[in-house]
Protein backbone atom coordinates (compact mmCIF):
# COMPACT_ATOMS: atom_id res chain seq x y z
CA UNK A 1 100.36 88.68 78.04
CA UNK A 2 96.52 89.51 78.98
CA UNK A 3 98.76 88.31 82.38
CA UNK A 4 101.50 90.50 83.08
CA UNK A 5 98.47 93.42 82.87
CA UNK A 6 96.59 91.08 84.84
CA UNK A 7 99.30 90.39 87.13
CA UNK A 8 99.20 94.13 87.47
CA UNK A 9 95.56 95.34 87.89
CA UNK A 10 95.41 93.32 91.02
CA UNK A 11 98.76 94.64 92.49
CA UNK A 12 97.49 97.97 91.90
CA UNK A 13 94.04 96.99 93.21
CA UNK A 14 95.43 95.94 96.96
CA UNK A 15 97.60 97.99 96.77
CA UNK A 16 94.89 100.75 96.75
CA UNK A 17 92.73 99.08 98.79
CA UNK A 18 95.87 98.74 101.61
CA UNK A 19 96.24 103.20 101.35
CA UNK A 20 91.65 103.69 101.39
CA UNK A 21 91.39 101.04 103.86
CA UNK A 22 94.19 101.53 106.18
CA UNK A 23 96.27 104.81 106.22
CA UNK A 24 98.25 104.65 108.90
CA UNK A 25 99.39 101.86 108.92
CA UNK A 26 100.24 101.69 105.06
CA UNK A 27 102.60 105.23 105.81
CA UNK A 28 104.01 104.24 109.41
CA UNK A 29 104.92 100.69 107.64
CA UNK A 30 106.84 103.10 104.68
CA UNK A 31 107.99 104.98 107.20
CA UNK A 32 109.75 101.16 108.60
CA UNK A 33 110.92 100.18 105.31
CA UNK A 34 112.77 103.78 105.73
CA UNK A 35 114.56 103.18 109.08
CA UNK A 36 115.18 99.26 108.14
CA UNK A 37 118.10 98.48 106.61
CA UNK A 38 119.11 97.74 103.05
CA UNK A 39 119.94 94.16 103.58
CA UNK A 40 116.20 93.18 105.48
CA UNK A 41 114.53 94.94 102.74
CA UNK A 42 116.14 92.68 99.79
CA UNK A 43 115.70 89.53 101.61
CA UNK A 44 111.89 90.60 102.59
CA UNK A 45 112.24 91.21 98.46
CA UNK A 46 113.29 87.97 97.73
CA UNK A 47 110.60 86.06 99.71
CA UNK A 48 108.28 88.15 98.55
CA UNK A 49 109.30 87.33 94.47
CA UNK A 50 109.95 83.48 96.25
CA UNK A 51 106.80 83.78 96.82
CA UNK A 52 104.95 85.31 94.21
CA UNK A 53 106.41 83.08 92.04
CA UNK A 54 105.47 80.18 94.23
CA UNK A 55 101.88 81.06 94.28
CA UNK A 56 101.88 81.33 90.64
CA UNK A 57 102.82 78.25 89.64
CA UNK A 58 100.67 76.00 91.84
CA UNK A 59 97.35 77.62 91.15
CA UNK A 60 98.63 77.07 86.63
CA UNK A 61 99.33 73.38 88.00
């Protein structure tokens, strides 16, 4: 369970850095996501999940 909270904390740190250092980019990215078709967002999300699982799997090998 501590791994989950470590990962959640790291996610929040990375998200916070993006919003803190690059707020204009973050707004532009959010606007682009709003305009993108749902299928493209779904495919991007699936790719991110697969990449995340691969990274965790490689790190724990």
